[in-house]
Amino acid sequence: MDKAQLSKIEKGLRQLKREQIPILAEILKASSDELMTLWLADQIYAVVKDEKLANEAMQVAEKSNNLKKAQK
């Protein structure tokens, strides 16, 4: 990753790629899981931010996720 790309990420003009998160976590000496959680939250928000039923949809998705985990 070059300086220009990092600058765009810092300014919110570009998203990190999933595979960059563990590398960034190592550089920052941060939790990879915490950074991945924040990255996933940003991805979800980008999809639902303008949706009237965003909260309801996220609740349904959470229930579905919990059901699938329980079935395993």
C-alpha atoms as a PDB file:
ATOM      1  CA  MET A   1       0.000   0.000   0.000  1.00  0.00           C
ATOM      2  CA  ASP A   2       1.453   3.356  -0.965  1.00  0.00           C
ATOM      3  CA  LYS A   3       1.081   6.681   0.834  1.00  0.00           C
ATOM      4  CA  ALA A   4      -1.556   7.982  -1.581  1.00  0.00           C
ATOM      5  CA  GLN A   5      -3.755   4.934  -1.035  1.00  0.00           C
ATOM      6  CA  LEU A   6      -3.374   5.161   2.749  1.00  0.00           C
ATOM      7  CA  SER A   7      -4.236   8.859   2.637  1.00  0.00           C
ATOM      8  CA  LYS A   8      -7.442   8.123   0.707  1.00  0.00           C
ATOM      9  CA  ILE A   9      -8.405   5.444   3.234  1.00  0.00           C
ATOM     10  CA  GLU A  10      -7.773   7.845   6.120  1.00  0.00           C
ATOM     11  CA  LYS A  11      -9.940  10.512   4.453  1.00  0.00           C
ATOM     12  CA  GLY A  12     -12.744   8.024   3.844  1.00  0.00           C
ATOM     13  CA  LEU A  13     -12.400   8.276   0.083  1.00  0.00           C
ATOM     14  CA  ARG A  14     -11.468   4.614  -0.280  1.00  0.00           C
ATOM     15  CA  GLN A  15     -12.320   1.446   1.641  1.00  0.00           C
ATOM     16  CA  LEU A  16      -9.801  -1.022   2.958  1.00  0.00           C
ATOM     17  CA  LYS A  17      -9.893  -4.420   1.335  1.00  0.00           C
ATOM     18  CA  ARG A  18     -10.648  -7.342   3.621  1.00  0.00           C
ATOM     19  CA  GLU A  19      -7.232  -8.891   3.055  1.00  0.00           C
ATOM     20  CA  GLN A  20      -5.522  -5.657   4.170  1.00  0.00           C
ATOM     21  CA  ILE A  21      -7.032  -5.756   7.662  1.00  0.00           C
ATOM     22  CA  PRO A  22      -4.684  -8.350   9.260  1.00  0.00           C
ATOM     23  CA  ILE A  23      -1.695  -6.492   7.805  1.00  0.00           C
ATOM     24  CA  LEU A  24      -2.922  -3.186   9.198  1.00  0.00           C
ATOM     25  CA  ALA A  25      -3.645  -4.792  12.571  1.00  0.00           C
ATOM     26  CA  GLU A  26      -0.088  -6.076  12.740  1.00  0.00           C
ATOM     27  CA  ILE A  27       1.372  -2.696  11.824  1.00  0.00           C
ATOM     28  CA  LEU A  28      -0.803  -0.896  14.373  1.00  0.00           C
ATOM     29  CA  LYS A  29      -0.402  -3.635  16.978  1.00  0.00           C
ATOM     30  CA  ALA A  30      -4.194  -3.747  17.160  1.00  0.00           C
ATOM     31  CA  SER A  31      -6.679  -6.582  17.403  1.00  0.00           C
ATOM     32  CA  SER A  32      -7.392  -8.065  13.998  1.00  0.00           C
ATOM     33  CA  ASP A  33     -10.831  -9.156  15.235  1.00  0.00           C
ATOM     34  CA  GLU A  34     -11.670  -5.638  16.393  1.00  0.00           C
ATOM     35  CA  LEU A  35     -10.595  -4.096  13.087  1.00  0.00           C
ATOM     36  CA  MET A  36     -12.505  -6.765  11.158  1.00  0.00           C
ATOM     37  CA  THR A  37     -15.628  -6.037  13.235  1.00  0.00           C
ATOM     38  CA  LEU A  38     -15.344  -2.334  12.454  1.00  0.00           C
ATOM     39  CA  TRP A  39     -14.745  -3.085   8.764  1.00  0.00           C
ATOM     40  CA  LEU A  40     -17.794  -5.357   8.602  1.00  0.00           C
ATOM     41  CA  ALA A  41     -19.911  -2.722  10.359  1.00  0.00           C
ATOM     42  CA  ASP A  42     -18.836  -0.174   7.734  1.00  0.00           C
ATOM     43  CA  GLN A  43     -19.751  -2.616   4.960  1.00  0.00           C
ATOM     44  CA  ILE A  44     -23.205  -3.223   6.435  1.00  0.00           C
ATOM     45  CA  TYR A  45     -23.797   0.477   6.981  1.00  0.00           C
ATOM     46  CA  ALA A  46     -22.862   1.265   3.374  1.00  0.00           C
ATOM     47  CA  VAL A  47     -25.547  -1.165   2.193  1.00  0.00           C
ATOM     48  CA  VAL A  48     -28.392  -0.116   4.513  1.00  0.00           C
ATOM     49  CA  LYS A  49     -27.717   3.565   5.306  1.00  0.00           C
ATOM     50  CA  ASP A  50     -30.515   4.949   3.123  1.00  0.00           C
ATOM     51  CA  GLU A  51     -33.027   2.187   3.771  1.00  0.00           C
ATOM     52  CA  LYS A  52     -36.165   2.976   5.766  1.00  0.00           C
ATOM     53  CA  LEU A  53     -36.243  -0.545   7.227  1.00  0.00           C
ATOM     54  CA  ALA A  54     -32.504  -0.824   7.922  1.00  0.00           C
ATOM     55  CA  ASN A  55     -32.816  -1.565  11.652  1.00  0.00           C
ATOM     56  CA  GLU A  56     -35.513  -4.162  11.121  1.00  0.00           C
ATOM     57  CA  ALA A  57     -33.506  -5.829   8.366  1.00  0.00           C
ATOM     58  CA  MET A  58     -30.398  -5.974  10.558  1.00  0.00           C
ATOM     59  CA  GLN A  59     -32.418  -7.541  13.377  1.00  0.00           C
ATOM     60  CA  VAL A  60     -33.741 -10.215  11.012  1.00  0.00           C
ATOM     61  CA  ALA A  61     -30.213 -10.856   9.736  1.00  0.00           C
ATOM     62  CA  GLU A  62     -28.935 -11.188  13.299  1.00  0.00           C
ATOM     63  CA  LYS A  63     -31.655 -13.707  14.173  1.00  0.00           C
ATOM     64  CA  SER A  64     -30.936 -15.646  11.005  1.00  0.00           C
ATOM     65  CA  ASN A  65     -27.220 -15.666  11.767  1.00  0.00           C
ATOM     66  CA  ASN A  66     -27.851 -16.898  15.316  1.00  0.00           C
ATOM     67  CA  LEU A  67     -30.158 -19.660  14.054  1.00  0.00           C
ATOM     68  CA  LYS A  68     -27.585 -20.852  11.530  1.00  0.00           C
ATOM     69  CA  LYS A  69     -24.872 -20.907  14.199  1.00  0.00           C
ATOM     70  CA  ALA A  70     -27.131 -22.867  16.558  1.00  0.00           C
ATOM     71  CA  GLN A  71     -27.809 -25.463  13.824  1.00  0.00           C
ATOM     72  CA  LYS A  72     -24.101 -26.181  13.383  1.00  0.00           C
END
